[in-house]
């Protein structure tokens, strides 16, 4: 986790497989959106 606010996150995938790090990032977006109604997540450095 690089940035973590109630409605925004920036997460670094550390070049892990996309099928591992992308669902982690999406779940963060889901959780924040459920709490706030609106959310944005920036995923960087993900494998495909």
ModelCIF file with pLDDT and N, C-alpha, C, O atoms, coordinates in Angstrom:
data_MODEL
#
_entry.id   MODEL 
#
_entity.id                         1 
_entity.type                       polymer 
_entity.pdbx_number_of_molecules   1 
#
_entity_poly.entity_id                      1 
_entity_poly.type                           'polypeptide(L)' 
_entity_poly.nstd_linkage                   no 
_entity_poly.nstd_monomer                   no 
_entity_poly.pdbx_seq_one_letter_code       
;(UNK)(UNK)(UNK)(UNK)(UNK)(UNK)(UNK)(UNK)(UNK)(UNK)(UNK)(UNK)(UNK)(UNK)(UNK)(UNK)
(UNK)(UNK)(UNK)(UNK)(UNK)(UNK)(UNK)(UNK)(UNK)(UNK)(UNK)(UNK)(UNK)(UNK)(UNK)(UNK)
(UNK)(UNK)(UNK)(UNK)(UNK)(UNK)(UNK)(UNK)(UNK)(UNK)(UNK)(UNK)(UNK)(UNK)(UNK)(UNK)
;
_entity_poly.pdbx_seq_one_letter_code_can   XXXXXXXXXXXXXXXXXXXXXXXXXXXXXXXXXXXXXXXXXXXXXXXX 
_entity_poly.pdbx_strand_id                 A 
#
loop_
_entity_poly_seq.entity_id 
_entity_poly_seq.num 
_entity_poly_seq.mon_id 
_entity_poly_seq.hetero 
1 1  UNK n 
1 2  UNK n 
1 3  UNK n 
1 4  UNK n 
1 5  UNK n 
1 6  UNK n 
1 7  UNK n 
1 8  UNK n 
1 9  UNK n 
1 10 UNK n 
1 11 UNK n 
1 12 UNK n 
1 13 UNK n 
1 14 UNK n 
1 15 UNK n 
1 16 UNK n 
1 17 UNK n 
1 18 UNK n 
1 19 UNK n 
1 20 UNK n 
1 21 UNK n 
1 22 UNK n 
1 23 UNK n 
1 24 UNK n 
1 25 UNK n 
1 26 UNK n 
1 27 UNK n 
1 28 UNK n 
1 29 UNK n 
1 30 UNK n 
1 31 UNK n 
1 32 UNK n 
1 33 UNK n 
1 34 UNK n 
1 35 UNK n 
1 36 UNK n 
1 37 UNK n 
1 38 UNK n 
1 39 UNK n 
1 40 UNK n 
1 41 UNK n 
1 42 UNK n 
1 43 UNK n 
1 44 UNK n 
1 45 UNK n 
1 46 UNK n 
1 47 UNK n 
1 48 UNK n 
#
_struct_asym.id          A 
_struct_asym.entity_id   1 
#
loop_
_ma_qa_metric.id 
_ma_qa_metric.mode 
_ma_qa_metric.name 
_ma_qa_metric.software_group_id 
_ma_qa_metric.type 
1 global pLDDT . pLDDT 
2 local  pLDDT . pLDDT 
#
_ma_qa_metric_global.metric_id      1 
_ma_qa_metric_global.metric_value   97.92 
_ma_qa_metric_global.model_id       1 
_ma_qa_metric_global.ordinal_id     1 
#
loop_
_ma_qa_metric_local.label_asym_id 
_ma_qa_metric_local.label_comp_id 
_ma_qa_metric_local.label_seq_id 
_ma_qa_metric_local.metric_id 
_ma_qa_metric_local.metric_value 
_ma_qa_metric_local.model_id 
_ma_qa_metric_local.ordinal_id 
A UNK 1  2 98.00 1 1  
A UNK 2  2 98.00 1 2  
A UNK 3  2 98.00 1 3  
A UNK 4  2 98.00 1 4  
A UNK 5  2 98.00 1 5  
A UNK 6  2 98.00 1 6  
A UNK 7  2 97.00 1 7  
A UNK 8  2 98.00 1 8  
A UNK 9  2 98.00 1 9  
A UNK 10 2 98.00 1 10 
A UNK 11 2 98.00 1 11 
A UNK 12 2 98.00 1 12 
A UNK 13 2 98.00 1 13 
A UNK 14 2 98.00 1 14 
A UNK 15 2 98.00 1 15 
A UNK 16 2 98.00 1 16 
A UNK 17 2 98.00 1 17 
A UNK 18 2 98.00 1 18 
A UNK 19 2 98.00 1 19 
A UNK 20 2 98.00 1 20 
A UNK 21 2 98.00 1 21 
A UNK 22 2 98.00 1 22 
A UNK 23 2 98.00 1 23 
A UNK 24 2 98.00 1 24 
A UNK 25 2 98.00 1 25 
A UNK 26 2 98.00 1 26 
A UNK 27 2 98.00 1 27 
A UNK 28 2 98.00 1 28 
A UNK 29 2 98.00 1 29 
A UNK 30 2 98.00 1 30 
A UNK 31 2 98.00 1 31 
A UNK 32 2 98.00 1 32 
A UNK 33 2 98.00 1 33 
A UNK 34 2 98.00 1 34 
A UNK 35 2 98.00 1 35 
A UNK 36 2 96.00 1 36 
A UNK 37 2 98.00 1 37 
A UNK 38 2 98.00 1 38 
A UNK 39 2 98.00 1 39 
A UNK 40 2 98.00 1 40 
A UNK 41 2 98.00 1 41 
A UNK 42 2 98.00 1 42 
A UNK 43 2 98.00 1 43 
A UNK 44 2 98.00 1 44 
A UNK 45 2 98.00 1 45 
A UNK 46 2 98.00 1 46 
A UNK 47 2 98.00 1 47 
A UNK 48 2 97.00 1 48 
#
loop_
_atom_site.group_PDB 
_atom_site.id 
_atom_site.type_symbol 
_atom_site.label_atom_id 
_atom_site.label_alt_id 
_atom_site.label_comp_id 
_atom_site.label_asym_id 
_atom_site.label_entity_id 
_atom_site.label_seq_id 
_atom_site.pdbx_PDB_ins_code 
_atom_site.Cartn_x 
_atom_site.Cartn_y 
_atom_site.Cartn_z 
_atom_site.occupancy 
_atom_site.B_iso_or_equiv 
_atom_site.pdbx_formal_charge 
_atom_site.auth_seq_id 
_atom_site.auth_comp_id 
_atom_site.auth_asym_id 
_atom_site.auth_atom_id 
_atom_site.pdbx_PDB_model_num 
ATOM 1   N N  . UNK A 1 1  ? 0.842   -1.189  0.000   1.00 98.00 ? 1  UNK A N  1 
ATOM 2   C CA . UNK A 1 1  ? 0.000   0.000   0.000   1.00 98.00 ? 1  UNK A CA 1 
ATOM 3   C C  . UNK A 1 1  ? 0.879   1.241   0.000   1.00 98.00 ? 1  UNK A C  1 
ATOM 4   O O  . UNK A 1 1  ? 1.694   1.433   0.903   1.00 98.00 ? 1  UNK A O  1 
ATOM 5   N N  . UNK A 1 2  ? 0.713   2.084   -1.015  1.00 98.00 ? 2  UNK A N  1 
ATOM 6   C CA . UNK A 1 2  ? 1.519   3.297   -1.146  1.00 98.00 ? 2  UNK A CA 1 
ATOM 7   C C  . UNK A 1 2  ? 0.758   4.510   -0.621  1.00 98.00 ? 2  UNK A C  1 
ATOM 8   O O  . UNK A 1 2  ? 1.323   5.339   0.092   1.00 98.00 ? 2  UNK A O  1 
ATOM 9   N N  . UNK A 1 3  ? -0.518  4.613   -0.971  1.00 98.00 ? 3  UNK A N  1 
ATOM 10  C CA . UNK A 1 3  ? -1.408  5.676   -0.502  1.00 98.00 ? 3  UNK A CA 1 
ATOM 11  C C  . UNK A 1 3  ? -2.696  5.017   -0.048  1.00 98.00 ? 3  UNK A C  1 
ATOM 12  O O  . UNK A 1 3  ? -3.219  4.132   -0.724  1.00 98.00 ? 3  UNK A O  1 
ATOM 13  N N  . UNK A 1 4  ? -3.208  5.450   1.098   1.00 98.00 ? 4  UNK A N  1 
ATOM 14  C CA . UNK A 1 4  ? -4.433  4.847   1.642   1.00 98.00 ? 4  UNK A CA 1 
ATOM 15  C C  . UNK A 1 4  ? -5.282  5.921   2.292   1.00 98.00 ? 4  UNK A C  1 
ATOM 16  O O  . UNK A 1 4  ? -4.968  6.388   3.387   1.00 98.00 ? 4  UNK A O  1 
ATOM 17  N N  . UNK A 1 5  ? -6.365  6.319   1.618   1.00 98.00 ? 5  UNK A N  1 
ATOM 18  C CA . UNK A 1 5  ? -7.337  7.256   2.178   1.00 98.00 ? 5  UNK A CA 1 
ATOM 19  C C  . UNK A 1 5  ? -8.701  6.577   2.143   1.00 98.00 ? 5  UNK A C  1 
ATOM 20  O O  . UNK A 1 5  ? -8.819  5.499   1.560   1.00 98.00 ? 5  UNK A O  1 
ATOM 21  N N  . UNK A 1 6  ? -9.727  7.159   2.738   1.00 98.00 ? 6  UNK A N  1 
ATOM 22  C CA . UNK A 1 6  ? -11.036 6.494   2.740   1.00 98.00 ? 6  UNK A CA 1 
ATOM 23  C C  . UNK A 1 6  ? -11.570 6.169   1.350   1.00 98.00 ? 6  UNK A C  1 
ATOM 24  O O  . UNK A 1 6  ? -12.273 5.172   1.184   1.00 98.00 ? 6  UNK A O  1 
ATOM 25  N N  . UNK A 1 7  ? -11.254 6.984   0.351   1.00 97.00 ? 7  UNK A N  1 
ATOM 26  C CA . UNK A 1 7  ? -11.823 6.757   -0.979  1.00 97.00 ? 7  UNK A CA 1 
ATOM 27  C C  . UNK A 1 7  ? -10.777 6.528   -2.060  1.00 97.00 ? 7  UNK A C  1 
ATOM 28  O O  . UNK A 1 7  ? -11.129 6.409   -3.234  1.00 97.00 ? 7  UNK A O  1 
ATOM 29  N N  . UNK A 1 8  ? -9.512  6.464   -1.697  1.00 98.00 ? 8  UNK A N  1 
ATOM 30  C CA . UNK A 1 8  ? -8.451  6.354   -2.691  1.00 98.00 ? 8  UNK A CA 1 
ATOM 31  C C  . UNK A 1 8  ? -7.333  5.458   -2.171  1.00 98.00 ? 8  UNK A C  1 
ATOM 32  O O  . UNK A 1 8  ? -6.948  5.532   -1.004  1.00 98.00 ? 8  UNK A O  1 
ATOM 33  N N  . UNK A 1 9  ? -6.822  4.615   -3.059  1.00 98.00 ? 9  UNK A N  1 
ATOM 34  C CA . UNK A 1 9  ? -5.646  3.818   -2.731  1.00 98.00 ? 9  UNK A CA 1 
ATOM 35  C C  . UNK A 1 9  ? -4.708  3.778   -3.926  1.00 98.00 ? 9  UNK A C  1 
ATOM 36  O O  . UNK A 1 9  ? -5.146  3.743   -5.076  1.00 98.00 ? 9  UNK A O  1 
ATOM 37  N N  . UNK A 1 10 ? -3.440  3.783   -3.644  1.00 98.00 ? 10 UNK A N  1 
ATOM 38  C CA . UNK A 1 10 ? -2.412  3.478   -4.635  1.00 98.00 ? 10 UNK A CA 1 
ATOM 39  C C  . UNK A 1 10 ? -1.681  2.253   -4.122  1.00 98.00 ? 10 UNK A C  1 
ATOM 40  O O  . UNK A 1 10 ? -1.141  2.260   -3.016  1.00 98.00 ? 10 UNK A O  1 
ATOM 41  N N  . UNK A 1 11 ? -1.665  1.200   -4.928  1.00 98.00 ? 11 UNK A N  1 
ATOM 42  C CA . UNK A 1 11 ? -1.046  -0.052  -4.500  1.00 98.00 ? 11 UNK A CA 1 
ATOM 43  C C  . UNK A 1 11 ? -0.002  -0.477  -5.513  1.00 98.00 ? 11 UNK A C  1 
ATOM 44  O O  . UNK A 1 11 ? -0.164  -0.282  -6.718  1.00 98.00 ? 11 UNK A O  1 
ATOM 45  N N  . UNK A 1 12 ? 1.074   -1.063  -5.004  1.00 98.00 ? 12 UNK A N  1 
ATOM 46  C CA . UNK A 1 12 ? 2.169   -1.534  -5.845  1.00 98.00 ? 12 UNK A CA 1 
ATOM 47  C C  . UNK A 1 12 ? 2.117   -3.048  -5.902  1.00 98.00 ? 12 UNK A C  1 
ATOM 48  O O  . UNK A 1 12 ? 2.174   -3.718  -4.871  1.00 98.00 ? 12 UNK A O  1 
ATOM 49  N N  . UNK A 1 13 ? 2.007   -3.586  -7.112  1.00 98.00 ? 13 UNK A N  1 
ATOM 50  C CA . UNK A 1 13 ? 1.941   -5.038  -7.277  1.00 98.00 ? 13 UNK A CA 1 
ATOM 51  C C  . UNK A 1 13 ? 3.281   -5.728  -7.167  1.00 98.00 ? 13 UNK A C  1 
ATOM 52  O O  . UNK A 1 13 ? 3.339   -6.957  -7.126  1.00 98.00 ? 13 UNK A O  1 
ATOM 53  N N  . UNK A 1 14 ? 4.369   -4.960  -7.116  1.00 98.00 ? 14 UNK A N  1 
ATOM 54  C CA . UNK A 1 14 ? 5.722   -5.494  -6.941  1.00 98.00 ? 14 UNK A CA 1 
ATOM 55  C C  . UNK A 1 14 ? 6.036   -6.585  -7.967  1.00 98.00 ? 14 UNK A C  1 
ATOM 56  O O  . UNK A 1 14 ? 6.761   -7.540  -7.687  1.00 98.00 ? 14 UNK A O  1 
ATOM 57  N N  . UNK A 1 15 ? 5.471   -6.412  -9.156  1.00 98.00 ? 15 UNK A N  1 
ATOM 58  C CA . UNK A 1 15 ? 5.722   -7.300  -10.295 1.00 98.00 ? 15 UNK A CA 1 
ATOM 59  C C  . UNK A 1 15 ? 5.279   -8.741  -10.041 1.00 98.00 ? 15 UNK A C  1 
ATOM 60  O O  . UNK A 1 15 ? 5.822   -9.682  -10.620 1.00 98.00 ? 15 UNK A O  1 
ATOM 61  N N  . UNK A 1 16 ? 4.281   -8.896  -9.164  1.00 98.00 ? 16 UNK A N  1 
ATOM 62  C CA . UNK A 1 16 ? 3.669   -10.208 -8.980  1.00 98.00 ? 16 UNK A CA 1 
ATOM 63  C C  . UNK A 1 16 ? 2.765   -10.543 -10.144 1.00 98.00 ? 16 UNK A C  1 
ATOM 64  O O  . UNK A 1 16 ? 2.408   -9.669  -10.934 1.00 98.00 ? 16 UNK A O  1 
ATOM 65  N N  . UNK A 1 17 ? 2.392   -11.819 -10.251 1.00 98.00 ? 17 UNK A N  1 
ATOM 66  C CA . UNK A 1 17 ? 1.443   -12.220 -11.287 1.00 98.00 ? 17 UNK A CA 1 
ATOM 67  C C  . UNK A 1 17 ? 0.173   -11.375 -11.156 1.00 98.00 ? 17 UNK A C  1 
ATOM 68  O O  . UNK A 1 17 ? -0.334  -11.160 -10.055 1.00 98.00 ? 17 UNK A O  1 
ATOM 69  N N  . UNK A 1 18 ? -0.326  -10.904 -12.292 1.00 98.00 ? 18 UNK A N  1 
ATOM 70  C CA . UNK A 1 18 ? -1.536  -10.089 -12.259 1.00 98.00 ? 18 UNK A CA 1 
ATOM 71  C C  . UNK A 1 18 ? -2.716  -10.811 -11.655 1.00 98.00 ? 18 UNK A C  1 
ATOM 72  O O  . UNK A 1 18 ? -3.562  -10.191 -11.012 1.00 98.00 ? 18 UNK A O  1 
ATOM 73  N N  . UNK A 1 19 ? -2.784  -12.123 -11.854 1.00 98.00 ? 19 UNK A N  1 
ATOM 74  C CA . UNK A 1 19 ? -3.897  -12.908 -11.313 1.00 98.00 ? 19 UNK A CA 1 
ATOM 75  C C  . UNK A 1 19 ? -3.835  -13.003 -9.790  1.00 98.00 ? 19 UNK A C  1 
ATOM 76  O O  . UNK A 1 19 ? -4.795  -13.440 -9.156  1.00 98.00 ? 19 UNK A O  1 
ATOM 77  N N  . UNK A 1 20 ? -2.713  -12.596 -9.201  1.00 98.00 ? 20 UNK A N  1 
ATOM 78  C CA . UNK A 1 20 ? -2.594  -12.533 -7.745  1.00 98.00 ? 20 UNK A CA 1 
ATOM 79  C C  . UNK A 1 20 ? -2.782  -11.119 -7.223  1.00 98.00 ? 20 UNK A C  1 
ATOM 80  O O  . UNK A 1 20 ? -3.521  -10.914 -6.260  1.00 98.00 ? 20 UNK A O  1 
ATOM 81  N N  . UNK A 1 21 ? -2.124  -10.132 -7.842  1.00 98.00 ? 21 UNK A N  1 
ATOM 82  C CA . UNK A 1 21 ? -2.155  -8.788  -7.266  1.00 98.00 ? 21 UNK A CA 1 
ATOM 83  C C  . UNK A 1 21 ? -3.366  -7.979  -7.723  1.00 98.00 ? 21 UNK A C  1 
ATOM 84  O O  . UNK A 1 21 ? -3.843  -7.127  -6.974  1.00 98.00 ? 21 UNK A O  1 
ATOM 85  N N  . UNK A 1 22 ? -3.881  -8.225  -8.940  1.00 98.00 ? 22 UNK A N  1 
ATOM 86  C CA . UNK A 1 22 ? -5.044  -7.458  -9.402  1.00 98.00 ? 22 UNK A CA 1 
ATOM 87  C C  . UNK A 1 22 ? -6.277  -7.710  -8.531  1.00 98.00 ? 22 UNK A C  1 
ATOM 88  O O  . UNK A 1 22 ? -6.937  -6.742  -8.151  1.00 98.00 ? 22 UNK A O  1 
ATOM 89  N N  . UNK A 1 23 ? -6.626  -8.961  -8.195  1.00 98.00 ? 23 UNK A N  1 
ATOM 90  C CA . UNK A 1 23 ? -7.796  -9.130  -7.328  1.00 98.00 ? 23 UNK A CA 1 
ATOM 91  C C  . UNK A 1 23 ? -7.618  -8.515  -5.946  1.00 98.00 ? 23 UNK A C  1 
ATOM 92  O O  . UNK A 1 23 ? -8.599  -8.099  -5.329  1.00 98.00 ? 23 UNK A O  1 
ATOM 93  N N  . UNK A 1 24 ? -6.389  -8.450  -5.449  1.00 98.00 ? 24 UNK A N  1 
ATOM 94  C CA . UNK A 1 24 ? -6.163  -7.758  -4.180  1.00 98.00 ? 24 UNK A CA 1 
ATOM 95  C C  . UNK A 1 24 ? -6.494  -6.280  -4.310  1.00 98.00 ? 24 UNK A C  1 
ATOM 96  O O  . UNK A 1 24 ? -7.137  -5.703  -3.434  1.00 98.00 ? 24 UNK A O  1 
ATOM 97  N N  . UNK A 1 25 ? -6.053  -5.665  -5.411  1.00 98.00 ? 25 UNK A N  1 
ATOM 98  C CA . UNK A 1 25 ? -6.320  -4.243  -5.642  1.00 98.00 ? 25 UNK A CA 1 
ATOM 99  C C  . UNK A 1 25 ? -7.808  -3.991  -5.842  1.00 98.00 ? 25 UNK A C  1 
ATOM 100 O O  . UNK A 1 25 ? -8.353  -3.019  -5.318  1.00 98.00 ? 25 UNK A O  1 
ATOM 101 N N  . UNK A 1 26 ? -8.468  -4.870  -6.603  1.00 98.00 ? 26 UNK A N  1 
ATOM 102 C CA . UNK A 1 26 ? -9.905  -4.707  -6.846  1.00 98.00 ? 26 UNK A CA 1 
ATOM 103 C C  . UNK A 1 26 ? -10.690 -4.842  -5.544  1.00 98.00 ? 26 UNK A C  1 
ATOM 104 O O  . UNK A 1 26 ? -11.647 -4.100  -5.322  1.00 98.00 ? 26 UNK A O  1 
ATOM 105 N N  . UNK A 1 27 ? -10.300 -5.770  -4.691  1.00 98.00 ? 27 UNK A N  1 
ATOM 106 C CA . UNK A 1 27 ? -11.010 -5.930  -3.424  1.00 98.00 ? 27 UNK A CA 1 
ATOM 107 C C  . UNK A 1 27 ? -10.889 -4.684  -2.557  1.00 98.00 ? 27 UNK A C  1 
ATOM 108 O O  . UNK A 1 27 ? -11.834 -4.314  -1.860  1.00 98.00 ? 27 UNK A O  1 
ATOM 109 N N  . UNK A 1 28 ? -9.732  -4.041  -2.599  1.00 98.00 ? 28 UNK A N  1 
ATOM 110 C CA . UNK A 1 28 ? -9.583  -2.776  -1.877  1.00 98.00 ? 28 UNK A CA 1 
ATOM 111 C C  . UNK A 1 28 ? -10.560 -1.744  -2.430  1.00 98.00 ? 28 UNK A C  1 
ATOM 112 O O  . UNK A 1 28 ? -11.200 -1.021  -1.666  1.00 98.00 ? 28 UNK A O  1 
ATOM 113 N N  . UNK A 1 29 ? -10.676 -1.673  -3.752  1.00 98.00 ? 29 UNK A N  1 
ATOM 114 C CA . UNK A 1 29 ? -11.624 -0.742  -4.357  1.00 98.00 ? 29 UNK A CA 1 
ATOM 115 C C  . UNK A 1 29 ? -13.050 -1.047  -3.961  1.00 98.00 ? 29 UNK A C  1 
ATOM 116 O O  . UNK A 1 29 ? -13.824 -0.134  -3.673  1.00 98.00 ? 29 UNK A O  1 
ATOM 117 N N  . UNK A 1 30 ? -13.408 -2.316  -3.942  1.00 98.00 ? 30 UNK A N  1 
ATOM 118 C CA . UNK A 1 30 ? -14.763 -2.726  -3.542  1.00 98.00 ? 30 UNK A CA 1 
ATOM 119 C C  . UNK A 1 30 ? -15.036 -2.310  -2.103  1.00 98.00 ? 30 UNK A C  1 
ATOM 120 O O  . UNK A 1 30 ? -16.081 -1.729  -1.809  1.00 98.00 ? 30 UNK A O  1 
ATOM 121 N N  . UNK A 1 31 ? -14.111 -2.602  -1.220  1.00 98.00 ? 31 UNK A N  1 
ATOM 122 C CA . UNK A 1 31 ? -14.313 -2.292  0.202   1.00 98.00 ? 31 UNK A CA 1 
ATOM 123 C C  . UNK A 1 31 ? -14.439 -0.792  0.431   1.00 98.00 ? 31 UNK A C  1 
ATOM 124 O O  . UNK A 1 31 ? -15.298 -0.352  1.195   1.00 98.00 ? 31 UNK A O  1 
ATOM 125 N N  . UNK A 1 32 ? -13.590 -0.004  -0.223  1.00 98.00 ? 32 UNK A N  1 
ATOM 126 C CA . UNK A 1 32 ? -13.655 1.446   -0.049  1.00 98.00 ? 32 UNK A CA 1 
ATOM 127 C C  . UNK A 1 32 ? -14.947 2.009   -0.640  1.00 98.00 ? 32 UNK A C  1 
ATOM 128 O O  . UNK A 1 32 ? -15.556 2.913   -0.068  1.00 98.00 ? 32 UNK A O  1 
ATOM 129 N N  . UNK A 1 33 ? -15.357 1.472   -1.779  1.00 98.00 ? 33 UNK A N  1 
ATOM 130 C CA . UNK A 1 33 ? -16.583 1.952   -2.409  1.00 98.00 ? 33 UNK A CA 1 
ATOM 131 C C  . UNK A 1 33 ? -17.809 1.614   -1.569  1.00 98.00 ? 33 UNK A C  1 
ATOM 132 O O  . UNK A 1 33 ? -18.721 2.431   -1.439  1.00 98.00 ? 33 UNK A O  1 
ATOM 133 N N  . UNK A 1 34 ? -17.832 0.422   -1.003  1.00 98.00 ? 34 UNK A N  1 
ATOM 134 C CA . UNK A 1 34 ? -18.952 0.043   -0.136  1.00 98.00 ? 34 UNK A CA 1 
ATOM 135 C C  . UNK A 1 34 ? -19.040 0.974   1.075   1.00 98.00 ? 34 UNK A C  1 
ATOM 136 O O  . UNK A 1 34 ? -20.132 1.260   1.567   1.00 98.00 ? 34 UNK A O  1 
ATOM 137 N N  . UNK A 1 35 ? -17.900 1.439   1.545   1.00 98.00 ? 35 UNK A N  1 
ATOM 138 C CA . UNK A 1 35 ? -17.880 2.327   2.714   1.00 98.00 ? 35 UNK A CA 1 
ATOM 139 C C  . UNK A 1 35 ? -18.216 3.772   2.357   1.00 98.00 ? 35 UNK A C  1 
ATOM 140 O O  . UNK A 1 35 ? -18.848 4.480   3.141   1.00 98.00 ? 35 UNK A O  1 
ATOM 141 N N  . UNK A 1 36 ? -17.788 4.211   1.156   1.00 96.00 ? 36 UNK A N  1 
ATOM 142 C CA . UNK A 1 36 ? -17.900 5.629   0.806   1.00 96.00 ? 36 UNK A CA 1 
ATOM 143 C C  . UNK A 1 36 ? -18.851 5.924   -0.341  1.00 96.00 ? 36 UNK A C  1 
ATOM 144 O O  . UNK A 1 36 ? -19.246 7.074   -0.529  1.00 96.00 ? 36 UNK A O  1 
ATOM 145 N N  . UNK A 1 37 ? -19.224 4.916   -1.108  1.00 98.00 ? 37 UNK A N  1 
ATOM 146 C CA . UNK A 1 37 ? -20.067 5.124   -2.275  1.00 98.00 ? 37 UNK A CA 1 
ATOM 147 C C  . UNK A 1 37 ? -19.298 5.362   -3.549  1.00 98.00 ? 37 UNK A C  1 
ATOM 148 O O  . UNK A 1 37 ? -19.826 5.163   -4.643  1.00 98.00 ? 37 UNK A O  1 
ATOM 149 N N  . UNK A 1 38 ? -18.040 5.793   -3.419  1.00 98.00 ? 38 UNK A N  1 
ATOM 150 C CA . UNK A 1 38 ? -17.198 6.091   -4.568  1.00 98.00 ? 38 UNK A CA 1 
ATOM 151 C C  . UNK A 1 38 ? -15.752 5.848   -4.172  1.00 98.00 ? 38 UNK A C  1 
ATOM 152 O O  . UNK A 1 38 ? -15.338 6.228   -3.077  1.00 98.00 ? 38 UNK A O  1 
ATOM 153 N N  . UNK A 1 39 ? -14.981 5.219   -5.049  1.00 98.00 ? 39 UNK A N  1 
ATOM 154 C CA . UNK A 1 39 ? -13.577 4.940   -4.736  1.00 98.00 ? 39 UNK A CA 1 
ATOM 155 C C  . UNK A 1 39 ? -12.774 4.856   -6.014  1.00 98.00 ? 39 UNK A C  1 
ATOM 156 O O  . UNK A 1 39 ? -13.311 4.617   -7.096  1.00 98.00 ? 39 UNK A O  1 
ATOM 157 N N  . UNK A 1 40 ? -11.478 5.057   -5.867  1.00 98.00 ? 40 UNK A N  1 
ATOM 158 C CA . UNK A 1 40 ? -10.552 4.892   -6.986  1.00 98.00 ? 40 UNK A CA 1 
ATOM 159 C C  . UNK A 1 40 ? -9.310  4.179   -6.480  1.00 98.00 ? 40 UNK A C  1 
ATOM 160 O O  . UNK A 1 40 ? -8.829  4.443   -5.378  1.00 98.00 ? 40 UNK A O  1 
ATOM 161 N N  . UNK A 1 41 ? -8.802  3.279   -7.296  1.00 98.00 ? 41 UNK A N  1 
ATOM 162 C CA . UNK A 1 41 ? -7.589  2.537   -6.943  1.00 98.00 ? 41 UNK A CA 1 
ATOM 163 C C  . UNK A 1 41 ? -6.635  2.575   -8.122  1.00 98.00 ? 41 UNK A C  1 
ATOM 164 O O  . UNK A 1 41 ? -7.004  2.251   -9.251  1.00 98.00 ? 41 UNK A O  1 
ATOM 165 N N  . UNK A 1 42 ? -5.402  2.977   -7.842  1.00 98.00 ? 42 UNK A N  1 
ATOM 166 C CA . UNK A 1 42 ? -4.338  2.959   -8.833  1.00 98.00 ? 42 UNK A CA 1 
ATOM 167 C C  . UNK A 1 42 ? -3.428  1.777   -8.526  1.00 98.00 ? 42 UNK A C  1 
ATOM 168 O O  . UNK A 1 42 ? -2.783  1.734   -7.479  1.00 98.00 ? 42 UNK A O  1 
ATOM 169 N N  . UNK A 1 43 ? -3.383  0.823   -9.444  1.00 98.00 ? 43 UNK A N  1 
ATOM 170 C CA . UNK A 1 43 ? -2.492  -0.340  -9.312  1.00 98.00 ? 43 UNK A CA 1 
ATOM 171 C C  . UNK A 1 43 ? -1.290  -0.123  -10.217 1.00 98.00 ? 43 UNK A C  1 
ATOM 172 O O  . UNK A 1 43 ? -1.439  0.086   -11.421 1.00 98.00 ? 43 UNK A O  1 
ATOM 173 N N  . UNK A 1 44 ? -0.109  -0.174  -9.640  1.00 98.00 ? 44 UNK A N  1 
ATOM 174 C CA . UNK A 1 44 ? 1.121   -0.013  -10.412 1.00 98.00 ? 44 UNK A CA 1 
ATOM 175 C C  . UNK A 1 44 ? 1.956   -1.294  -10.354 1.00 98.00 ? 44 UNK A C  1 
ATOM 176 O O  . UNK A 1 44 ? 1.834   -2.093  -9.425  1.00 98.00 ? 44 UNK A O  1 
ATOM 177 N N  . UNK A 1 45 ? 2.794   -1.467  -11.355 1.00 98.00 ? 45 UNK A N  1 
ATOM 178 C CA . UNK A 1 45 ? 3.800   -2.538  -11.349 1.00 98.00 ? 45 UNK A CA 1 
ATOM 179 C C  . UNK A 1 45 ? 3.200   -3.923  -11.133 1.00 98.00 ? 45 UNK A C  1 
ATOM 180 O O  . UNK A 1 45 ? 3.667   -4.694  -10.295 1.00 98.00 ? 45 UNK A O  1 
ATOM 181 N N  . UNK A 1 46 ? 2.163   -4.222  -11.899 1.00 98.00 ? 46 UNK A N  1 
ATOM 182 C CA . UNK A 1 46 ? 1.552   -5.552  -11.860 1.00 98.00 ? 46 UNK A CA 1 
ATOM 183 C C  . UNK A 1 46 ? 2.059   -6.379  -13.024 1.00 98.00 ? 46 UNK A C  1 
ATOM 184 O O  . UNK A 1 46 ? 2.298   -5.853  -14.111 1.00 98.00 ? 46 UNK A O  1 
ATOM 185 N N  . UNK A 1 47 ? 2.225   -7.678  -12.796 1.00 98.00 ? 47 UNK A N  1 
ATOM 186 C CA . UNK A 1 47 ? 2.392   -8.577  -13.916 1.00 98.00 ? 47 UNK A CA 1 
ATOM 187 C C  . UNK A 1 47 ? 1.146   -8.545  -14.794 1.00 98.00 ? 47 UNK A C  1 
ATOM 188 O O  . UNK A 1 47 ? 0.156   -7.907  -14.436 1.00 98.00 ? 47 UNK A O  1 
ATOM 189 N N  . UNK A 1 48 ? 1.183   -9.213  -15.919 1.00 97.00 ? 48 UNK A N  1 
ATOM 190 C CA . UNK A 1 48 ? 0.075   -9.193  -16.878 1.00 97.00 ? 48 UNK A CA 1 
ATOM 191 C C  . UNK A 1 48 ? -1.237  -9.535  -16.181 1.00 97.00 ? 48 UNK A C  1 
ATOM 192 O O  . UNK A 1 48 ? -2.287  -9.569  -16.823 1.00 97.00 ? 48 UNK A O  1 
#
